[in-house]
Amino acid sequence: MKSWWVLRSRYAACMNDPLSIQHPAPPISKVYPHFSEEELTEAQDTLDRYLALAVRIYERVEADPTAYAQFKTLTASRRVTRLEELKVESFEQP
């Protein structure tokens, strides 16, 4: 199985997030310092499988133009300014 860093890097590259690559996640042993070696191995394997699934899902969505357009719409950040909030509030009828 691929190491989590390779999968995480590939996922971050897919998501066009250079900060994720520049600032890698801490080793799993730092996240779970109380885990035994066996538990750490299991946690690492679980993380590897999760990241592999996330990459596969993203690649499928990216390959379908309609699904990708929906994905981009759903994940687009919406910044609402205070002025917009005031406009909405002023037009609401009690």
N, C-alpha and C. Protein backbone atom coordinates (compact mmCIF):
# COMPACT_ATOMS: atom_id res chain seq x y z
N MET A 1 0.84 -1.18 0.00
CA MET A 1 0.00 0.00 0.00
C MET A 1 0.89 1.25 0.00
N LYS A 2 0.42 2.28 -0.69
CA LYS A 2 1.19 3.52 -0.75
C LYS A 2 1.26 4.15 0.64
N SER A 3 2.33 4.87 0.85
CA SER A 3 2.43 5.54 2.15
C SER A 3 1.41 6.68 2.20
N TRP A 4 1.03 7.07 3.39
CA TRP A 4 0.02 8.11 3.54
C TRP A 4 0.51 9.42 2.95
N TRP A 5 1.81 9.69 3.01
CA TRP A 5 2.32 10.96 2.49
C TRP A 5 2.13 11.04 0.98
N VAL A 6 2.39 9.95 0.28
CA VAL A 6 2.20 9.95 -1.17
C VAL A 6 0.73 10.18 -1.50
N LEU A 7 -0.15 9.48 -0.81
CA LEU A 7 -1.58 9.66 -1.05
C LEU A 7 -2.04 11.06 -0.68
N ARG A 8 -1.57 11.56 0.44
CA ARG A 8 -1.95 12.90 0.89
C ARG A 8 -1.43 13.94 -0.09
N SER A 9 -0.20 13.76 -0.56
CA SER A 9 0.37 14.71 -1.52
C SER A 9 -0.42 14.70 -2.82
N ARG A 10 -0.79 13.51 -3.27
CA ARG A 10 -1.56 13.39 -4.50
C ARG A 10 -2.93 14.04 -4.34
N TYR A 11 -3.55 13.81 -3.20
CA TYR A 11 -4.86 14.41 -2.94
C TYR A 11 -4.74 15.93 -2.88
N ALA A 12 -3.73 16.43 -2.20
CA ALA A 12 -3.53 17.87 -2.10
C ALA A 12 -3.27 18.47 -3.48
N ALA A 13 -2.51 17.77 -4.30
CA ALA A 13 -2.25 18.26 -5.65
C ALA A 13 -3.54 18.31 -6.45
N CYS A 14 -4.37 17.29 -6.29
CA CYS A 14 -5.67 17.28 -6.97
C CYS A 14 -6.52 18.47 -6.53
N MET A 15 -6.45 18.79 -5.30
CA MET A 15 -7.26 19.87 -4.76
C MET A 15 -6.60 21.24 -4.96
N ASN A 16 -5.44 21.28 -5.62
CA ASN A 16 -4.73 22.53 -5.88
C ASN A 16 -4.48 23.30 -4.58
N ASP A 17 -4.01 22.61 -3.58
CA ASP A 17 -3.77 23.22 -2.29
C ASP A 17 -2.28 23.14 -1.96
N PRO A 18 -1.49 24.12 -2.41
CA PRO A 18 -0.04 24.05 -2.16
C PRO A 18 0.32 24.11 -0.69
N LEU A 19 -0.51 24.69 0.15
CA LEU A 19 -0.19 24.76 1.58
C LEU A 19 -0.17 23.39 2.22
N SER A 20 -1.02 22.48 1.76
CA SER A 20 -1.04 21.13 2.32
C SER A 20 0.26 20.40 2.05
N ILE A 21 0.86 20.67 0.91
CA ILE A 21 2.12 20.03 0.56
C ILE A 21 3.27 20.69 1.32
N GLN A 22 3.22 22.00 1.48
CA GLN A 22 4.28 22.72 2.18
C GLN A 22 4.27 22.44 3.68
N HIS A 23 3.11 22.15 4.23
CA HIS A 23 2.97 21.90 5.66
C HIS A 23 2.36 20.53 5.88
N PRO A 24 3.19 19.49 5.80
CA PRO A 24 2.64 18.13 5.91
C PRO A 24 2.05 17.86 7.30
N ALA A 25 1.13 16.93 7.32
CA ALA A 25 0.52 16.52 8.59
C ALA A 25 1.57 15.86 9.47
N PRO A 26 1.38 15.94 10.77
CA PRO A 26 2.35 15.29 11.68
C PRO A 26 2.27 13.77 11.53
N PRO A 27 3.33 13.08 11.92
CA PRO A 27 3.29 11.61 11.87
C PRO A 27 2.16 11.10 12.77
N ILE A 28 1.63 9.97 12.41
CA ILE A 28 0.50 9.41 13.16
C ILE A 28 0.86 9.14 14.62
N SER A 29 2.14 8.87 14.88
CA SER A 29 2.57 8.63 16.27
C SER A 29 2.48 9.90 17.12
N LYS A 30 2.55 11.06 16.50
CA LYS A 30 2.40 12.33 17.23
C LYS A 30 0.92 12.62 17.50
N VAL A 31 0.07 12.18 16.59
CA VAL A 31 -1.37 12.40 16.75
C VAL A 31 -1.92 11.49 17.84
N TYR A 32 -1.43 10.25 17.88
CA TYR A 32 -1.88 9.26 18.86
C TYR A 32 -0.69 8.74 19.66
N PRO A 33 -0.10 9.55 20.54
CA PRO A 33 1.10 9.13 21.27
C PRO A 33 0.85 7.97 22.24
N HIS A 34 -0.39 7.76 22.63
CA HIS A 34 -0.72 6.69 23.59
C HIS A 34 -0.97 5.35 22.91
N PHE A 35 -0.96 5.30 21.57
CA PHE A 35 -1.21 4.04 20.85
C PHE A 35 0.01 3.13 20.90
N SER A 36 -0.26 1.84 20.92
CA SER A 36 0.82 0.85 20.81
C SER A 36 1.27 0.79 19.34
N GLU A 37 2.37 0.09 19.08
CA GLU A 37 2.85 -0.05 17.70
C GLU A 37 1.80 -0.70 16.81
N GLU A 38 1.12 -1.70 17.34
CA GLU A 38 0.07 -2.38 16.57
C GLU A 38 -1.08 -1.42 16.24
N GLU A 39 -1.47 -0.62 17.22
CA GLU A 39 -2.55 0.35 16.99
C GLU A 39 -2.13 1.43 16.01
N LEU A 40 -0.87 1.85 16.09
CA LEU A 40 -0.36 2.85 15.14
C LEU A 40 -0.36 2.31 13.72
N THR A 41 0.04 1.05 13.56
CA THR A 41 0.04 0.41 12.24
C THR A 41 -1.39 0.34 11.70
N GLU A 42 -2.32 -0.05 12.55
CA GLU A 42 -3.72 -0.13 12.13
C GLU A 42 -4.26 1.26 11.76
N ALA A 43 -3.94 2.27 12.56
CA ALA A 43 -4.39 3.63 12.28
C ALA A 43 -3.79 4.13 10.97
N GLN A 44 -2.52 3.82 10.73
CA GLN A 44 -1.87 4.24 9.48
C GLN A 44 -2.52 3.57 8.28
N ASP A 45 -2.81 2.28 8.39
CA ASP A 45 -3.48 1.56 7.30
C ASP A 45 -4.87 2.13 7.03
N THR A 46 -5.58 2.46 8.09
CA THR A 46 -6.91 3.04 7.93
C THR A 46 -6.83 4.40 7.24
N LEU A 47 -5.87 5.21 7.65
CA LEU A 47 -5.67 6.51 7.01
C LEU A 47 -5.31 6.35 5.54
N ASP A 48 -4.44 5.40 5.23
CA ASP A 48 -4.07 5.14 3.83
C ASP A 48 -5.30 4.78 3.00
N ARG A 49 -6.14 3.91 3.53
CA ARG A 49 -7.35 3.50 2.80
C ARG A 49 -8.31 4.68 2.62
N TYR A 50 -8.45 5.48 3.66
CA TYR A 50 -9.34 6.65 3.59
C TYR A 50 -8.85 7.63 2.52
N LEU A 51 -7.56 7.93 2.53
CA LEU A 51 -7.02 8.87 1.55
C LEU A 51 -7.11 8.32 0.14
N ALA A 52 -6.88 7.03 -0.02
CA ALA A 52 -7.01 6.41 -1.35
C ALA A 52 -8.45 6.54 -1.85
N LEU A 53 -9.41 6.35 -0.96
CA LEU A 53 -10.82 6.49 -1.33
C LEU A 53 -11.13 7.94 -1.71
N ALA A 54 -10.63 8.89 -0.93
CA ALA A 54 -10.87 10.30 -1.23
C ALA A 54 -10.31 10.68 -2.59
N VAL A 55 -9.11 10.19 -2.91
CA VAL A 55 -8.50 10.47 -4.22
C VAL A 55 -9.34 9.85 -5.33
N ARG A 56 -9.79 8.60 -5.14
CA ARG A 56 -10.61 7.94 -6.17
C ARG A 56 -11.91 8.69 -6.40
N ILE A 57 -12.55 9.13 -5.34
CA ILE A 57 -13.80 9.89 -5.47
C ILE A 57 -13.54 11.17 -6.25
N TYR A 58 -12.49 11.89 -5.88
CA TYR A 58 -12.19 13.15 -6.57
C TYR A 58 -11.87 12.91 -8.04
N GLU A 59 -11.10 11.87 -8.34
CA GLU A 59 -10.75 11.58 -9.73
C GLU A 59 -11.99 11.24 -10.55
N ARG A 60 -12.95 10.53 -9.97
CA ARG A 60 -14.20 10.21 -10.68
C ARG A 60 -15.00 11.48 -10.95
N VAL A 61 -15.10 12.34 -9.95
CA VAL A 61 -15.84 13.59 -10.12
C VAL A 61 -15.15 14.46 -11.16
N GLU A 62 -13.84 14.53 -11.10
CA GLU A 62 -13.07 15.36 -12.02
C GLU A 62 -13.21 14.87 -13.47
N ALA A 63 -13.37 13.58 -13.66
CA ALA A 63 -13.48 13.01 -15.01
C ALA A 63 -14.84 13.27 -15.65
N ASP A 64 -15.85 13.59 -14.86
CA ASP A 64 -17.20 13.84 -15.37
C ASP A 64 -17.46 15.35 -15.34
N PRO A 65 -17.54 16.01 -16.51
CA PRO A 65 -17.71 17.47 -16.53
C PRO A 65 -18.94 17.96 -15.76
N THR A 66 -20.05 17.25 -15.87
CA THR A 66 -21.26 17.67 -15.15
C THR A 66 -21.06 17.55 -13.65
N ALA A 67 -20.54 16.43 -13.21
CA ALA A 67 -20.29 16.22 -11.78
C ALA A 67 -19.26 17.21 -11.26
N TYR A 68 -18.24 17.51 -12.08
CA TYR A 68 -17.20 18.44 -11.65
C TYR A 68 -17.77 19.85 -11.49
N ALA A 69 -18.65 20.25 -12.40
CA ALA A 69 -19.28 21.57 -12.30
C ALA A 69 -20.11 21.66 -11.02
N GLN A 70 -20.84 20.59 -10.71
CA GLN A 70 -21.62 20.57 -9.47
C GLN A 70 -20.70 20.62 -8.25
N PHE A 71 -19.61 19.87 -8.30
CA PHE A 71 -18.64 19.85 -7.21
C PHE A 71 -18.08 21.25 -6.97
N LYS A 72 -17.69 21.93 -8.05
CA LYS A 72 -17.13 23.27 -7.91
C LYS A 72 -18.16 24.24 -7.32
N THR A 73 -19.40 24.11 -7.75
CA THR A 73 -20.46 24.97 -7.22
C THR A 73 -20.68 24.70 -5.74
N LEU A 74 -20.74 23.44 -5.37
CA LEU A 74 -20.99 23.09 -3.97
C LEU A 74 -19.85 23.45 -3.04
N THR A 75 -18.63 23.43 -3.54
CA THR A 75 -17.48 23.69 -2.68
C THR A 75 -16.96 25.12 -2.78
N ALA A 76 -17.58 25.93 -3.63
CA ALA A 76 -17.14 27.32 -3.75
C ALA A 76 -17.43 28.05 -2.45
N SER A 77 -16.47 28.83 -2.02
CA SER A 77 -16.70 29.59 -0.78
C SER A 77 -17.54 30.82 -1.11
N ARG A 78 -18.44 31.10 -0.25
CA ARG A 78 -19.30 32.27 -0.44
C ARG A 78 -18.98 33.24 0.67
N ARG A 79 -18.52 34.39 0.27
CA ARG A 79 -18.20 35.43 1.25
C ARG A 79 -19.37 36.41 1.28
N VAL A 80 -19.97 36.51 2.42
CA VAL A 80 -21.08 37.43 2.60
C VAL A 80 -20.58 38.60 3.42
N THR A 81 -20.71 39.77 2.86
CA THR A 81 -20.28 40.96 3.59
C THR A 81 -21.40 41.43 4.50
N ARG A 82 -21.05 42.23 5.45
CA ARG A 82 -22.05 42.77 6.37
C ARG A 82 -23.07 43.61 5.60
N LEU A 83 -22.64 44.31 4.57
CA LEU A 83 -23.54 45.12 3.77
C LEU A 83 -24.61 44.25 3.11
N GLU A 84 -24.21 43.11 2.58
CA GLU A 84 -25.18 42.19 1.97
C GLU A 84 -26.17 41.70 3.02
N GLU A 85 -25.69 41.40 4.21
CA GLU A 85 -26.59 40.95 5.28
C GLU A 85 -27.60 42.04 5.63
N LEU A 86 -27.14 43.28 5.69
CA LEU A 86 -28.04 44.39 6.01
C LEU A 86 -29.08 44.58 4.92
N LYS A 87 -28.68 44.42 3.66
CA LYS A 87 -29.64 44.56 2.55
C LYS A 87 -30.73 43.50 2.67
N VAL A 88 -30.34 42.28 2.97
CA VAL A 88 -31.32 41.20 3.11
C VAL A 88 -32.25 41.49 4.27
N GLU A 89 -31.70 41.91 5.40
CA GLU A 89 -32.52 42.19 6.58
C GLU A 89 -33.49 43.34 6.33
N SER A 90 -33.06 44.35 5.58
CA SER A 90 -33.92 45.51 5.36
C SER A 90 -35.10 45.20 4.45
N PHE A 91 -34.98 44.17 3.61
CA PHE A 91 -36.07 43.80 2.71
C PHE A 91 -37.01 42.75 3.29
N GLU A 92 -36.64 42.18 4.40
CA GLU A 92 -37.50 41.16 5.02
C GLU A 92 -38.69 41.84 5.69
N GLN A 93 -39.85 41.27 5.50
CA GLN A 93 -41.07 41.80 6.12
C GLN A 93 -41.36 41.00 7.39
N PRO A 94 -41.71 41.68 8.48
CA PRO A 94 -42.02 40.96 9.72
C PRO A 94 -43.30 40.16 9.65
